[in-house]
N, C-alpha and C. Protein backbone atom coordinates (compact mmCIF):
# COMPACT_ATOMS: atom_id res chain seq x y z
N UNK A 1 0.81 -1.24 0.02
CA UNK A 1 0.01 -0.11 0.04
C UNK A 1 0.91 1.28 0.04
N UNK A 2 0.45 2.22 -0.72
CA UNK A 2 1.33 3.40 -0.88
C UNK A 2 1.35 4.23 0.30
N UNK A 3 2.28 4.94 0.51
CA UNK A 3 2.25 5.84 1.84
C UNK A 3 1.21 6.94 1.62
N UNK A 4 0.99 7.42 0.52
CA UNK A 4 0.04 8.59 0.40
C UNK A 4 -1.42 7.87 0.69
N UNK A 5 -1.72 6.77 0.21
CA UNK A 5 -3.05 6.12 0.50
C UNK A 5 -3.18 5.87 1.93
N UNK A 6 -1.95 5.39 2.66
CA UNK A 6 -2.18 5.11 4.08
C UNK A 6 -2.46 6.64 4.82
N UNK A 7 -1.85 7.56 4.47
CA UNK A 7 -2.04 8.85 4.97
C UNK A 7 -3.57 9.21 4.87
N UNK A 8 -4.03 9.04 3.59
CA UNK A 8 -5.56 9.41 3.40
C UNK A 8 -6.38 8.63 4.26
N UNK A 9 -6.18 7.33 4.33
CA UNK A 9 -6.92 6.44 5.18
C UNK A 9 -6.89 6.86 6.70
N UNK A 10 -5.66 7.09 7.17
CA UNK A 10 -5.50 7.44 8.45
C UNK A 10 -6.19 8.79 8.68
N UNK A 11 -6.26 9.69 7.87
CA UNK A 11 -6.97 11.01 8.04
C UNK A 11 -8.44 10.68 8.06
N UNK A 12 -8.91 9.77 7.32
CA UNK A 12 -10.36 9.48 7.43
C UNK A 12 -10.72 8.71 8.74
N UNK A 13 -9.83 7.81 9.08
CA UNK A 13 -10.14 7.33 10.42
C UNK A 13 -10.02 8.30 11.55
N UNK A 14 -9.10 9.27 11.49
CA UNK A 14 -9.02 10.42 12.46
C UNK A 14 -10.39 11.15 12.50
N UNK A 15 -10.82 11.46 11.41
CA UNK A 15 -12.01 12.33 11.45
C UNK A 15 -13.29 11.47 11.92
N UNK A 16 -13.27 10.19 11.56
CA UNK A 16 -14.37 9.32 12.12
C UNK A 16 -14.13 9.31 13.71
N UNK A 17 -12.95 9.06 14.06
CA UNK A 17 -12.69 9.11 15.52
C UNK A 17 -13.21 10.64 16.19
N UNK A 18 -13.05 11.57 15.51
CA UNK A 18 -13.49 12.93 16.07
C UNK A 18 -15.09 12.96 16.21
N UNK A 19 -15.67 12.40 15.11
CA UNK A 19 -17.09 12.37 15.25
C UNK A 19 -17.60 11.43 16.28
N UNK A 20 -17.00 10.35 16.58
CA UNK A 20 -17.37 9.45 17.61
C UNK A 20 -17.13 10.04 19.05
N UNK A 21 -16.11 10.77 19.15
CA UNK A 21 -15.79 11.53 20.31
C UNK A 21 -16.73 12.58 20.68
N UNK A 22 -17.21 13.29 19.67
CA UNK A 22 -18.18 14.50 19.77
C UNK A 22 -19.51 13.79 20.29
N UNK A 23 -19.87 12.40 19.80
CA UNK A 23 -21.05 11.81 20.30
C UNK A 23 -20.84 10.87 21.45
N UNK A 24 -19.79 11.20 22.14
CA UNK A 24 -19.41 10.50 23.47
C UNK A 24 -19.34 9.17 23.21
N UNK A 25 -18.99 8.52 22.09
CA UNK A 25 -18.70 7.13 21.89
C UNK A 25 -17.29 6.83 22.10
N UNK A 26 -16.74 6.88 23.39
CA UNK A 26 -15.31 6.90 23.68
C UNK A 26 -14.56 5.75 23.07
N UNK A 27 -15.07 4.49 23.29
CA UNK A 27 -14.46 3.27 22.85
C UNK A 27 -14.30 3.21 21.38
N UNK A 28 -15.17 3.64 20.62
CA UNK A 28 -15.18 3.80 19.21
C UNK A 28 -14.08 4.65 18.68
N UNK A 29 -14.18 5.95 19.38
CA UNK A 29 -13.08 6.78 19.06
C UNK A 29 -11.80 6.41 19.38
N UNK A 30 -11.41 5.86 20.66
CA UNK A 30 -10.06 5.28 20.78
C UNK A 30 -9.70 4.26 19.79
N UNK A 31 -10.66 3.33 19.33
CA UNK A 31 -10.23 2.39 18.39
C UNK A 31 -9.93 3.02 16.93
N UNK A 32 -10.73 4.01 16.68
CA UNK A 32 -10.45 4.67 15.30
C UNK A 32 -9.17 5.43 15.32
N UNK A 33 -8.81 6.13 16.54
CA UNK A 33 -7.62 6.76 16.56
C UNK A 33 -6.38 5.73 16.55
N UNK A 34 -6.46 4.62 17.30
CA UNK A 34 -5.46 3.61 17.15
C UNK A 34 -5.24 3.07 15.83
N UNK A 35 -6.32 2.80 15.17
CA UNK A 35 -6.15 2.43 13.66
C UNK A 35 -5.45 3.47 12.78
N UNK A 36 -5.93 4.67 13.10
CA UNK A 36 -5.22 5.74 12.18
C UNK A 36 -3.67 5.79 12.64
N UNK A 37 -3.46 5.81 13.90
CA UNK A 37 -1.98 5.89 14.24
C UNK A 37 -1.15 4.70 13.77
N UNK A 38 -1.84 3.52 13.54
CA UNK A 38 -1.06 2.42 13.01
C UNK A 38 -0.74 2.68 11.52
N UNK A 39 -1.62 3.32 10.80
CA UNK A 39 -1.36 3.52 9.43
C UNK A 39 -0.37 4.67 9.20
N UNK A 40 -0.44 5.73 10.14
CA UNK A 40 0.45 6.85 10.09
C UNK A 40 0.82 7.30 11.36
N UNK A 41 2.16 7.07 11.67
CA UNK A 41 2.66 7.43 12.97
C UNK A 41 2.64 9.07 13.21
N UNK A 42 2.56 9.79 12.12
CA UNK A 42 2.61 11.27 12.32
C UNK A 42 1.08 11.93 12.37
N UNK A 43 0.10 11.03 12.39
CA UNK A 43 -1.27 11.38 12.29
C UNK A 43 -1.62 12.17 13.63
N UNK A 44 -2.48 13.21 13.45
CA UNK A 44 -2.98 13.81 14.67
C UNK A 44 -3.79 12.83 15.60
N UNK A 45 -4.09 11.71 14.95
CA UNK A 45 -4.75 10.72 15.90
C UNK A 45 -3.98 10.24 17.09
N UNK A 46 -2.62 10.20 16.94
CA UNK A 46 -1.76 9.85 17.93
C UNK A 46 -1.90 10.74 19.17
N UNK A 47 -1.84 12.17 18.95
CA UNK A 47 -2.17 12.94 20.06
C UNK A 47 -3.56 12.86 20.62
N UNK A 48 -4.48 12.89 19.69
CA UNK A 48 -5.89 12.78 20.03
C UNK A 48 -6.21 11.54 20.85
N UNK A 49 -5.71 10.46 20.47
CA UNK A 49 -5.83 9.20 21.45
C UNK A 49 -5.25 9.32 22.70
N UNK A 50 -4.06 9.87 22.86
CA UNK A 50 -3.49 10.18 24.02
C UNK A 50 -4.19 11.07 25.03
N UNK A 51 -4.78 12.10 24.34
CA UNK A 51 -5.46 13.06 25.20
C UNK A 51 -6.74 12.42 25.76
N UNK A 52 -7.44 11.78 24.91
CA UNK A 52 -8.71 11.14 25.26
C UNK A 52 -8.37 10.03 26.42
N UNK A 53 -7.29 9.36 26.30
CA UNK A 53 -6.91 8.37 27.36
C UNK A 53 -6.58 9.03 28.62
N UNK A 54 -5.90 10.18 28.52
CA UNK A 54 -5.62 11.01 29.74
C UNK A 54 -6.99 11.42 30.42
N UNK A 55 -7.90 11.99 29.62
CA UNK A 55 -8.98 12.50 29.97
C UNK A 55 -9.83 11.42 30.80
N UNK A 56 -9.84 10.17 30.21
CA UNK A 56 -10.69 8.97 30.71
C UNK A 56 -9.94 8.47 31.96
N UNK A 57 -8.70 8.37 32.01
CA UNK A 57 -8.07 8.06 33.29
C UNK A 57 -8.41 9.03 34.47
N UNK A 58 -8.34 10.30 34.09
CA UNK A 58 -8.54 11.24 35.12
C UNK A 58 -10.16 11.17 35.60
N UNK A 59 -10.94 11.17 34.61
CA UNK A 59 -12.50 11.24 35.06
C UNK A 59 -13.16 9.95 35.18
N UNK A 60 -12.67 8.77 34.65
CA UNK A 60 -13.44 7.69 34.84
C UNK A 60 -12.62 6.52 35.42
N UNK A 61 -11.99 6.66 36.52
CA UNK A 61 -11.16 5.63 37.13
C UNK A 61 -11.82 4.34 37.29
N UNK A 62 -13.24 4.23 37.42
CA UNK A 62 -13.99 3.15 37.63
C UNK A 62 -13.99 2.27 36.35
N UNK A 63 -13.79 2.83 35.13
CA UNK A 63 -13.72 2.10 34.00
C UNK A 63 -12.52 1.09 34.12
N UNK A 64 -11.41 1.35 34.77
CA UNK A 64 -10.33 0.65 34.68
C UNK A 64 -10.08 -0.23 36.01
N UNK A 65 -11.14 0.24 36.93
CA UNK A 65 -11.08 -0.47 38.22
C UNK A 65 -12.35 -0.80 38.66
N UNK A 66 -13.06 -1.94 38.18
CA UNK A 66 -14.57 -2.14 38.51
C UNK A 66 -14.77 -2.71 39.91
């Protein structure tokens, strides 16, 4: 797969992740960001996923410690 095609797919996944985040579908957003980051390590999805993880770890500790 060409690098340009991977970057385009990563951008599309990043935008889908943003849409899920706006709808508060956290797990879907995290998964989409992870897929985008796997395709393009320089994608803004890398930072977006880390920010969302930081927010969830701060606000939703019960998600990780049932």
